[in-house]
Amino acid sequence: MITTTNPAIAAIEYAITQGLEAADFLRAWLHGENRTKQFVLSELPEHTRDAVNVKREPLRFSLFLENFDFKHQRGENSGAAYQGTVFGYIRADAAHLQVETASVRTGGKRENRVGDIDALNGESLVIAAEVKQSILRSDDVPEFEELATQVANQGALGLVVALDFAEGVREQLKEMGLEPVSKQELADRVRLWDALKQKVAVEALVYYVTRIEHNTPLRTRVNKFFASIEASMLSNPAVIEEPDPAVGHSDTSTSA
């Protein structure tokens, strides 16, 4: 009678009950088991992926932040490119909030917004962002006093998003209770996003330039930039090259 569920011990007990040499029987049993395993492993397909056939999704929003020319171009509304970018960023990063904005030529007060871009939870303001497509200097700081007051009164986060900040400006804004964010800081944050989250930001950016800003030169330049990324994917799916900066740059540029 076999008294165990262990296969090896059960085999020995069986051999003893049959009058066989336990060691010989066990050796034969293990040899047969190993042959079975080897057969199964030889017949099973390998669970490996061919790297050549793996489609690598480009980090589109990172590429845009790092390579798109944000200098004001003739025919474009000044600041629209960067406001659309920040709208895309907040829309993807705060997907649980309702994000509102308007054309750069539409003041926030006119539409009962606190910042250029507001993000709300129902009726409650959560984030208000002022966007400046320029390098902020000390004499620019006073224009953010009203933003600081309103976000403090509503318990919201106030962002001042600029291309960069002159020395001392960050400290001044922080003393007002505002959070300064540069383009490089946006790029550093977005670099940690996966491709799907970046795609959400790109779609929001394209929505902004197409349906909110209604600016044909900017829409054309943005679409050409992303078309260059898709073209790079088709030519070499395994390697996503950085778009040529000239693709997102007009020959008729003016100073920022």
C-alpha atoms as a PDB file:
ATOM      1  CA  MET A   1       0.000   0.000   0.000  1.00  0.00           C
ATOM      2  CA  ILE A   2       1.381   3.372  -1.013  1.00  0.00           C
ATOM      3  CA  THR A   3       1.221   5.838   1.873  1.00  0.00           C
ATOM      4  CA  THR A   4       2.653   9.064   0.422  1.00  0.00           C
ATOM      5  CA  THR A   5       1.858  11.628  -2.256  1.00  0.00           C
ATOM      6  CA  ASN A   6       5.543  12.316  -2.983  1.00  0.00           C
ATOM      7  CA  PRO A   7       6.132  10.849  -6.483  1.00  0.00           C
ATOM      8  CA  ALA A   8       9.703   9.613  -5.817  1.00  0.00           C
ATOM      9  CA  ILE A   9       8.875   7.978  -2.472  1.00  0.00           C
ATOM     10  CA  ALA A  10       5.691   6.517  -3.912  1.00  0.00           C
ATOM     11  CA  ALA A  11       7.759   4.975  -6.725  1.00  0.00           C
ATOM     12  CA  ILE A  12      10.111   3.341  -4.204  1.00  0.00           C
ATOM     13  CA  GLU A  13       7.179   1.981  -2.156  1.00  0.00           C
ATOM     14  CA  TYR A  14       5.654   0.591  -5.318  1.00  0.00           C
ATOM     15  CA  ALA A  15       8.943  -1.066  -6.281  1.00  0.00           C
ATOM     16  CA  ILE A  16       9.213  -2.732  -2.869  1.00  0.00           C
ATOM     17  CA  THR A  17       5.656  -4.066  -3.065  1.00  0.00           C
ATOM     18  CA  GLN A  18       6.438  -5.547  -6.476  1.00  0.00           C
ATOM     19  CA  GLY A  19       9.664  -7.176  -5.346  1.00  0.00           C
ATOM     20  CA  LEU A  20      11.834  -4.935  -7.514  1.00  0.00           C
ATOM     21  CA  GLU A  21      15.102  -3.338  -6.632  1.00  0.00           C
ATOM     22  CA  ALA A  22      14.005   0.120  -5.497  1.00  0.00           C
ATOM     23  CA  ALA A  23      17.134   1.900  -6.758  1.00  0.00           C
ATOM     24  CA  ASP A  24      16.874   0.356 -10.226  1.00  0.00           C
ATOM     25  CA  PHE A  25      13.188   1.130 -10.469  1.00  0.00           C
ATOM     26  CA  LEU A  26      13.646   4.697  -9.256  1.00  0.00           C
ATOM     27  CA  ARG A  27      16.508   5.244 -11.723  1.00  0.00           C
ATOM     28  CA  ALA A  28      14.341   4.038 -14.576  1.00  0.00           C
ATOM     29  CA  TRP A  29      11.378   6.142 -13.396  1.00  0.00           C
ATOM     30  CA  LEU A  30      13.440   9.334 -13.124  1.00  0.00           C
ATOM     31  CA  HIS A  31      15.029   8.691 -16.522  1.00  0.00           C
ATOM     32  CA  GLY A  32      11.602   8.386 -18.067  1.00  0.00           C
ATOM     33  CA  GLU A  33      10.406  11.565 -16.354  1.00  0.00           C
ATOM     34  CA  ASN A  34      13.434  13.513 -17.638  1.00  0.00           C
ATOM     35  CA  ARG A  35      12.843  12.235 -21.178  1.00  0.00           C
ATOM     36  CA  THR A  36       9.240  13.421 -20.931  1.00  0.00           C
ATOM     37  CA  LYS A  37      10.327  16.889 -19.786  1.00  0.00           C
ATOM     38  CA  GLN A  38      12.908  17.126 -22.564  1.00  0.00           C
ATOM     39  CA  PHE A  39      10.300  16.150 -25.157  1.00  0.00           C
ATOM     40  CA  VAL A  40       7.795  18.714 -23.912  1.00  0.00           C
ATOM     41  CA  LEU A  41      10.401  21.490 -23.809  1.00  0.00           C
ATOM     42  CA  SER A  42      11.642  20.641 -27.299  1.00  0.00           C
ATOM     43  CA  GLU A  43       8.133  20.808 -28.733  1.00  0.00           C
ATOM     44  CA  LEU A  44       6.985  24.000 -26.979  1.00  0.00           C
ATOM     45  CA  PRO A  45       7.527  27.264 -28.888  1.00  0.00           C
ATOM     46  CA  GLU A  46      10.064  29.634 -27.370  1.00  0.00           C
ATOM     47  CA  HIS A  47       8.561  32.438 -25.297  1.00  0.00           C
ATOM     48  CA  THR A  48      10.823  35.107 -26.714  1.00  0.00           C
ATOM     49  CA  ARG A  49       9.962  38.193 -28.743  1.00  0.00           C
ATOM     50  CA  ASP A  50      11.732  39.130 -31.920  1.00  0.00           C
ATOM     51  CA  ALA A  51      13.095  42.609 -31.231  1.00  0.00           C
ATOM     52  CA  VAL A  52      12.868  43.422 -34.938  1.00  0.00           C
ATOM     53  CA  ASN A  53       9.075  43.045 -34.832  1.00  0.00           C
ATOM     54  CA  VAL A  54       8.538  45.044 -31.632  1.00  0.00           C
ATOM     55  CA  LYS A  55       6.942  48.381 -32.453  1.00  0.00           C
ATOM     56  CA  ARG A  56       8.379  51.132 -30.308  1.00  0.00           C
ATOM     57  CA  GLU A  57       5.971  53.982 -29.641  1.00  0.00           C
ATOM     58  CA  PRO A  58       7.731  57.343 -29.757  1.00  0.00           C
ATOM     59  CA  LEU A  59       7.542  59.673 -26.765  1.00  0.00           C
ATOM     60  CA  ARG A  60       5.819  62.309 -28.887  1.00  0.00           C
ATOM     61  CA  PHE A  61       5.222  64.989 -26.272  1.00  0.00           C
ATOM     62  CA  SER A  62       8.817  64.776 -25.023  1.00  0.00           C
ATOM     63  CA  LEU A  63      10.070  65.203 -28.577  1.00  0.00           C
ATOM     64  CA  PHE A  64       7.775  68.185 -29.013  1.00  0.00           C
ATOM     65  CA  LEU A  65       8.922  69.933 -25.835  1.00  0.00           C
ATOM     66  CA  GLU A  66      12.581  69.347 -26.627  1.00  0.00           C
ATOM     67  CA  ASN A  67      12.592  70.154 -30.343  1.00  0.00           C
ATOM     68  CA  PHE A  68       9.681  72.392 -31.308  1.00  0.00           C
ATOM     69  CA  ASP A  69      10.602  76.033 -31.947  1.00  0.00           C
ATOM     70  CA  PHE A  70       8.603  78.136 -29.491  1.00  0.00           C
ATOM     71  CA  LYS A  71       9.765  81.470 -30.876  1.00  0.00           C
ATOM     72  CA  HIS A  72       6.873  83.563 -32.122  1.00  0.00           C
ATOM     73  CA  GLN A  73       6.337  83.011 -35.841  1.00  0.00           C
ATOM     74  CA  ARG A  74       4.753  85.441 -38.245  1.00  0.00           C
ATOM     75  CA  GLY A  75       1.035  84.739 -38.644  1.00  0.00           C
ATOM     76  CA  GLU A  76       0.740  82.956 -35.307  1.00  0.00           C
ATOM     77  CA  ASN A  77      -0.916  84.395 -32.235  1.00  0.00           C
ATOM     78  CA  SER A  78       1.858  85.266 -29.798  1.00  0.00           C
ATOM     79  CA  GLY A  79       2.057  82.736 -26.964  1.00  0.00           C
ATOM     80  CA  ALA A  80      -0.394  80.277 -28.525  1.00  0.00           C
ATOM     81  CA  ALA A  81       2.141  77.501 -29.107  1.00  0.00           C
ATOM     82  CA  TYR A  82       3.225  77.435 -25.493  1.00  0.00           C
ATOM     83  CA  GLN A  83      -0.284  77.829 -24.065  1.00  0.00           C
ATOM     84  CA  GLY A  84      -1.420  74.863 -26.143  1.00  0.00           C
ATOM     85  CA  THR A  85       1.553  72.874 -24.861  1.00  0.00           C
ATOM     86  CA  VAL A  86       0.766  73.643 -21.222  1.00  0.00           C
ATOM     87  CA  PHE A  87      -2.904  72.844 -21.839  1.00  0.00           C
ATOM     88  CA  GLY A  88      -1.831  69.446 -23.192  1.00  0.00           C
ATOM     89  CA  TYR A  89       0.427  68.892 -20.196  1.00  0.00           C
ATOM     90  CA  ILE A  90      -2.264  69.660 -17.607  1.00  0.00           C
ATOM     91  CA  ARG A  91      -4.925  67.734 -19.524  1.00  0.00           C
ATOM     92  CA  ALA A  92      -2.766  64.576 -19.459  1.00  0.00           C
ATOM     93  CA  ASP A  93      -1.310  65.009 -15.975  1.00  0.00           C
ATOM     94  CA  ALA A  94      -4.614  65.896 -14.306  1.00  0.00           C
ATOM     95  CA  ALA A  95      -6.973  63.675 -16.261  1.00  0.00           C
ATOM     96  CA  HIS A  96      -9.336  63.537 -13.259  1.00  0.00           C
ATOM     97  CA  LEU A  97     -10.035  67.282 -13.550  1.00  0.00           C
ATOM     98  CA  GLN A  98     -12.015  69.386 -16.028  1.00  0.00           C
ATOM     99  CA  VAL A  99      -9.487  71.574 -17.860  1.00  0.00           C
ATOM    100  CA  GLU A 100     -10.617  74.887 -19.351  1.00  0.00           C
ATOM    101  CA  THR A 101      -8.827  77.419 -21.510  1.00  0.00           C
ATOM    102  CA  ALA A 102      -9.397  79.755 -24.435  1.00  0.00           C
ATOM    103  CA  SER A 103      -7.524  81.487 -27.220  1.00  0.00           C
ATOM    104  CA  VAL A 104      -4.571  83.601 -26.079  1.00  0.00           C
ATOM    105  CA  ARG A 105      -6.486  86.664 -27.267  1.00  0.00           C
ATOM    106  CA  THR A 106      -9.334  85.928 -24.857  1.00  0.00           C
ATOM    107  CA  GLY A 107      -8.765  87.179 -21.328  1.00  0.00           C
ATOM    108  CA  GLY A 108      -9.493  84.828 -18.455  1.00  0.00           C
ATOM    109  CA  LYS A 109     -11.696  87.359 -16.698  1.00  0.00           C
ATOM    110  CA  ARG A 110     -13.978  87.557 -19.718  1.00  0.00           C
ATOM    111  CA  GLU A 111     -14.746  83.842 -19.342  1.00  0.00           C
ATOM    112  CA  ASN A 112     -14.687  83.809 -15.532  1.00  0.00           C
ATOM    113  CA  ARG A 113     -11.365  81.974 -15.355  1.00  0.00           C
ATOM    114  CA  VAL A 114      -8.606  82.673 -12.854  1.00  0.00           C
ATOM    115  CA  GLY A 115      -5.645  81.758 -15.063  1.00  0.00           C
ATOM    116  CA  ASP A 116      -4.967  81.188 -18.733  1.00  0.00           C
ATOM    117  CA  ILE A 117      -5.739  77.543 -17.946  1.00  0.00           C
ATOM    118  CA  ASP A 118      -7.975  76.387 -15.087  1.00  0.00           C
ATOM    119  CA  ALA A 119      -8.439  72.817 -13.883  1.00  0.00           C
ATOM    120  CA  LEU A 120     -11.504  72.158 -11.751  1.00  0.00           C
ATOM    121  CA  ASN A 121     -13.119  69.413  -9.733  1.00  0.00           C
ATOM    122  CA  GLY A 122     -16.786  70.202 -10.225  1.00  0.00           C
ATOM    123  CA  GLU A 123     -17.086  73.835  -9.150  1.00  0.00           C
ATOM    124  CA  SER A 124     -13.859  73.862  -7.141  1.00  0.00           C
ATOM    125  CA  LEU A 125     -10.718  75.338  -8.640  1.00  0.00           C
ATOM    126  CA  VAL A 126      -7.766  72.987  -8.213  1.00  0.00           C
ATOM    127  CA  ILE A 127      -5.119  74.424 -10.556  1.00  0.00           C
ATOM    128  CA  ALA A 128      -4.800  77.834 -12.188  1.00  0.00           C
ATOM    129  CA  ALA A 129      -1.907  78.380 -14.600  1.00  0.00           C
ATOM    130  CA  GLU A 130      -0.625  81.565 -16.173  1.00  0.00           C
ATOM    131  CA  VAL A 131       1.418  80.847 -19.300  1.00  0.00           C
ATOM    132  CA  LYS A 132       4.148  83.103 -20.675  1.00  0.00           C
ATOM    133  CA  GLN A 133       5.996  82.223 -23.864  1.00  0.00           C
ATOM    134  CA  SER A 134       9.009  84.245 -22.719  1.00  0.00           C
ATOM    135  CA  ILE A 135      11.732  84.475 -20.103  1.00  0.00           C
ATOM    136  CA  LEU A 136      10.226  86.190 -17.058  1.00  0.00           C
ATOM    137  CA  ARG A 137      12.106  89.014 -15.363  1.00  0.00           C
ATOM    138  CA  SER A 138      11.629  90.831 -12.079  1.00  0.00           C
ATOM    139  CA  ASP A 139       9.531  93.608 -13.599  1.00  0.00           C
ATOM    140  CA  ASP A 140       7.037  90.946 -14.817  1.00  0.00           C
ATOM    141  CA  VAL A 141       6.316  89.652 -11.305  1.00  0.00           C
ATOM    142  CA  PRO A 142       3.692  92.257 -10.214  1.00  0.00           C
ATOM    143  CA  GLU A 143       1.251  91.080 -12.908  1.00  0.00           C
ATOM    144  CA  PHE A 144       0.851  87.791 -11.026  1.00  0.00           C
ATOM    145  CA  GLU A 145      -0.358  89.367  -7.778  1.00  0.00           C
ATOM    146  CA  GLU A 146      -4.017  88.861  -8.646  1.00  0.00           C
ATOM    147  CA  LEU A 147      -3.390  85.211  -9.519  1.00  0.00           C
ATOM    148  CA  ALA A 148      -1.666  84.728  -6.174  1.00  0.00           C
ATOM    149  CA  THR A 149      -4.581  86.298  -4.309  1.00  0.00           C
ATOM    150  CA  GLN A 150      -7.258  84.248  -6.102  1.00  0.00           C
ATOM    151  CA  VAL A 151      -5.584  80.865  -5.746  1.00  0.00           C
ATOM    152  CA  ALA A 152      -4.914  81.594  -2.065  1.00  0.00           C
ATOM    153  CA  ASN A 153      -8.578  82.494  -1.508  1.00  0.00           C
ATOM    154  CA  GLN A 154      -9.746  79.314  -3.240  1.00  0.00           C
ATOM    155  CA  GLY A 155      -7.113  76.959  -1.853  1.00  0.00           C
ATOM    156  CA  ALA A 156      -5.837  76.123  -5.330  1.00  0.00           C
ATOM    157  CA  LEU A 157      -2.404  75.537  -6.833  1.00  0.00           C
ATOM    158  CA  GLY A 158      -1.133  78.517  -8.795  1.00  0.00           C
ATOM    159  CA  LEU A 159       1.357  77.832 -11.590  1.00  0.00           C
ATOM    160  CA  VAL A 160       3.393  80.340 -13.544  1.00  0.00           C
ATOM    161  CA  VAL A 161       4.690  78.473 -16.582  1.00  0.00           C
ATOM    162  CA  ALA A 162       7.298  80.322 -18.648  1.00  0.00           C
ATOM    163  CA  LEU A 163      10.091  79.382 -21.023  1.00  0.00           C
ATOM    164  CA  ASP A 164      12.498  80.258 -18.232  1.00  0.00           C
ATOM    165  CA  PHE A 165      13.088  82.681 -15.348  1.00  0.00           C
ATOM    166  CA  ALA A 166      15.706  85.341 -14.799  1.00  0.00           C
ATOM    167  CA  GLU A 167      17.749  85.241 -11.605  1.00  0.00           C
ATOM    168  CA  GLY A 168      15.683  85.844  -8.490  1.00  0.00           C
ATOM    169  CA  VAL A 169      12.292  85.592 -10.178  1.00  0.00           C
ATOM    170  CA  ARG A 170      11.588  82.075  -8.936  1.00  0.00           C
ATOM    171  CA  GLU A 171      12.095  83.154  -5.344  1.00  0.00           C
ATOM    172  CA  GLN A 172       9.784  86.144  -5.804  1.00  0.00           C
ATOM    173  CA  LEU A 173       7.005  83.983  -7.216  1.00  0.00           C
ATOM    174  CA  LYS A 174       7.364  81.388  -4.464  1.00  0.00           C
ATOM    175  CA  GLU A 175       7.107  84.110  -1.828  1.00  0.00           C
ATOM    176  CA  MET A 176       3.745  84.976  -3.395  1.00  0.00           C
ATOM    177  CA  GLY A 177       2.617  81.363  -2.991  1.00  0.00           C
ATOM    178  CA  LEU A 178       2.995  80.525  -6.706  1.00  0.00           C
ATOM    179  CA  GLU A 179       4.883  77.653  -8.310  1.00  0.00           C
ATOM    180  CA  PRO A 180       7.246  78.616 -11.171  1.00  0.00           C
ATOM    181  CA  VAL A 181       7.692  76.005 -13.918  1.00  0.00           C
ATOM    182  CA  SER A 182      10.102  76.334 -16.855  1.00  0.00           C
ATOM    183  CA  LYS A 183       9.988  74.572 -20.212  1.00  0.00           C
ATOM    184  CA  GLN A 184      12.949  72.432 -19.167  1.00  0.00           C
ATOM    185  CA  GLU A 185      11.140  71.391 -15.997  1.00  0.00           C
ATOM    186  CA  LEU A 186       8.102  70.416 -18.065  1.00  0.00           C
ATOM    187  CA  ALA A 187      10.355  68.351 -20.327  1.00  0.00           C
ATOM    188  CA  ASP A 188      11.990  66.641 -17.343  1.00  0.00           C
ATOM    189  CA  ARG A 189       8.605  65.686 -15.894  1.00  0.00           C
ATOM    190  CA  VAL A 190       7.164  64.484 -19.191  1.00  0.00           C
ATOM    191  CA  ARG A 191      10.224  62.341 -19.877  1.00  0.00           C
ATOM    192  CA  LEU A 192       9.002  60.036 -17.073  1.00  0.00           C
ATOM    193  CA  TRP A 193       5.608  59.528 -18.744  1.00  0.00           C
ATOM    194  CA  ASP A 194       4.792  56.431 -20.762  1.00  0.00           C
ATOM    195  CA  ALA A 195       3.961  56.728 -24.462  1.00  0.00           C
ATOM    196  CA  LEU A 196       0.178  56.493 -23.925  1.00  0.00           C
ATOM    197  CA  LYS A 197       0.088  59.360 -21.442  1.00  0.00           C
ATOM    198  CA  GLN A 198       2.231  61.423 -23.802  1.00  0.00           C
ATOM    199  CA  LYS A 199      -0.201  60.658 -26.613  1.00  0.00           C
ATOM    200  CA  VAL A 200      -3.045  62.102 -24.503  1.00  0.00           C
ATOM    201  CA  ALA A 201      -1.046  65.329 -24.119  1.00  0.00           C
ATOM    202  CA  VAL A 202      -0.379  65.486 -27.871  1.00  0.00           C
ATOM    203  CA  GLU A 203      -4.062  64.996 -28.676  1.00  0.00           C
ATOM    204  CA  ALA A 204      -4.991  67.809 -26.273  1.00  0.00           C
ATOM    205  CA  LEU A 205      -2.366  70.080 -27.856  1.00  0.00           C
ATOM    206  CA  VAL A 206      -3.667  69.350 -31.355  1.00  0.00           C
ATOM    207  CA  TYR A 207      -7.220  69.973 -30.113  1.00  0.00           C
ATOM    208  CA  TYR A 208      -6.136  73.345 -28.739  1.00  0.00           C
ATOM    209  CA  VAL A 209      -4.468  74.611 -31.910  1.00  0.00           C
ATOM    210  CA  THR A 210      -7.285  73.242 -34.103  1.00  0.00           C
ATOM    211  CA  ARG A 211     -10.485  73.888 -32.162  1.00  0.00           C
ATOM    212  CA  ILE A 212      -9.598  76.626 -29.671  1.00  0.00           C
ATOM    213  CA  GLU A 213      -6.887  78.801 -31.202  1.00  0.00           C
ATOM    214  CA  HIS A 214      -8.099  78.426 -34.822  1.00  0.00           C
ATOM    215  CA  ASN A 215      -4.711  79.592 -36.101  1.00  0.00           C
ATOM    216  CA  THR A 216      -3.816  78.065 -39.458  1.00  0.00           C
ATOM    217  CA  PRO A 217      -0.038  78.782 -39.450  1.00  0.00           C
ATOM    218  CA  LEU A 218       0.365  77.285 -35.970  1.00  0.00           C
ATOM    219  CA  ARG A 219      -1.827  74.293 -36.778  1.00  0.00           C
ATOM    220  CA  THR A 220       0.187  73.641 -39.931  1.00  0.00           C
ATOM    221  CA  ARG A 221       3.514  73.864 -38.101  1.00  0.00           C
ATOM    222  CA  VAL A 222       2.382  71.565 -35.271  1.00  0.00           C
ATOM    223  CA  ASN A 223       0.944  68.991 -37.682  1.00  0.00           C
ATOM    224  CA  LYS A 224       4.140  68.987 -39.751  1.00  0.00           C
ATOM    225  CA  PHE A 225       6.184  68.369 -36.628  1.00  0.00           C
ATOM    226  CA  PHE A 226       4.192  65.298 -35.621  1.00  0.00           C
ATOM    227  CA  ALA A 227       4.014  64.088 -39.240  1.00  0.00           C
ATOM    228  CA  SER A 228       7.819  64.017 -39.249  1.00  0.00           C
ATOM    229  CA  ILE A 229       7.750  61.709 -36.220  1.00  0.00           C
ATOM    230  CA  GLU A 230       5.313  59.337 -37.926  1.00  0.00           C
ATOM    231  CA  ALA A 231       7.458  59.361 -41.074  1.00  0.00           C
ATOM    232  CA  SER A 232      10.482  58.411 -38.973  1.00  0.00           C
ATOM    233  CA  MET A 233       8.523  55.485 -37.512  1.00  0.00           C
ATOM    234  CA  LEU A 234       7.618  54.173 -40.955  1.00  0.00           C
ATOM    235  CA  SER A 235      11.171  54.400 -42.272  1.00  0.00           C
ATOM    236  CA  ASN A 236      12.747  52.762 -39.211  1.00  0.00           C
ATOM    237  CA  PRO A 237      10.304  51.548 -36.527  1.00  0.00           C
ATOM    238  CA  ALA A 238      13.090  50.419 -34.182  1.00  0.00           C
ATOM    239  CA  VAL A 239      14.761  53.817 -34.024  1.00  0.00           C
ATOM    240  CA  ILE A 240      12.822  57.030 -33.474  1.00  0.00           C
ATOM    241  CA  GLU A 241      14.934  59.941 -34.588  1.00  0.00           C
ATOM    242  CA  GLU A 242      14.509  63.419 -33.201  1.00  0.00           C
ATOM    243  CA  PRO A 243      12.608  65.549 -35.725  1.00  0.00           C
ATOM    244  CA  ASP A 244      14.571  68.075 -37.698  1.00  0.00           C
ATOM    245  CA  PRO A 245      14.136  71.362 -35.775  1.00  0.00           C
ATOM    246  CA  ALA A 246      13.536  73.063 -39.134  1.00  0.00           C
ATOM    247  CA  VAL A 247      10.266  71.115 -39.464  1.00  0.00           C
ATOM    248  CA  GLY A 248       8.733  73.038 -36.579  1.00  0.00           C
ATOM    249  CA  HIS A 249      10.366  76.313 -37.599  1.00  0.00           C
ATOM    250  CA  SER A 250       9.133  78.873 -40.047  1.00  0.00           C
ATOM    251  CA  ASP A 251      11.479  80.907 -42.218  1.00  0.00           C
ATOM    252  CA  THR A 252       9.474  83.987 -41.329  1.00  0.00           C
ATOM    253  CA  SER A 253      10.263  84.016 -37.621  1.00  0.00           C
ATOM    254  CA  THR A 254      10.284  87.092 -35.480  1.00  0.00           C
ATOM    255  CA  SER A 255      11.757  87.584 -32.032  1.00  0.00           C
ATOM    256  CA  ALA A 256       9.918  86.190 -29.007  1.00  0.00           C
END
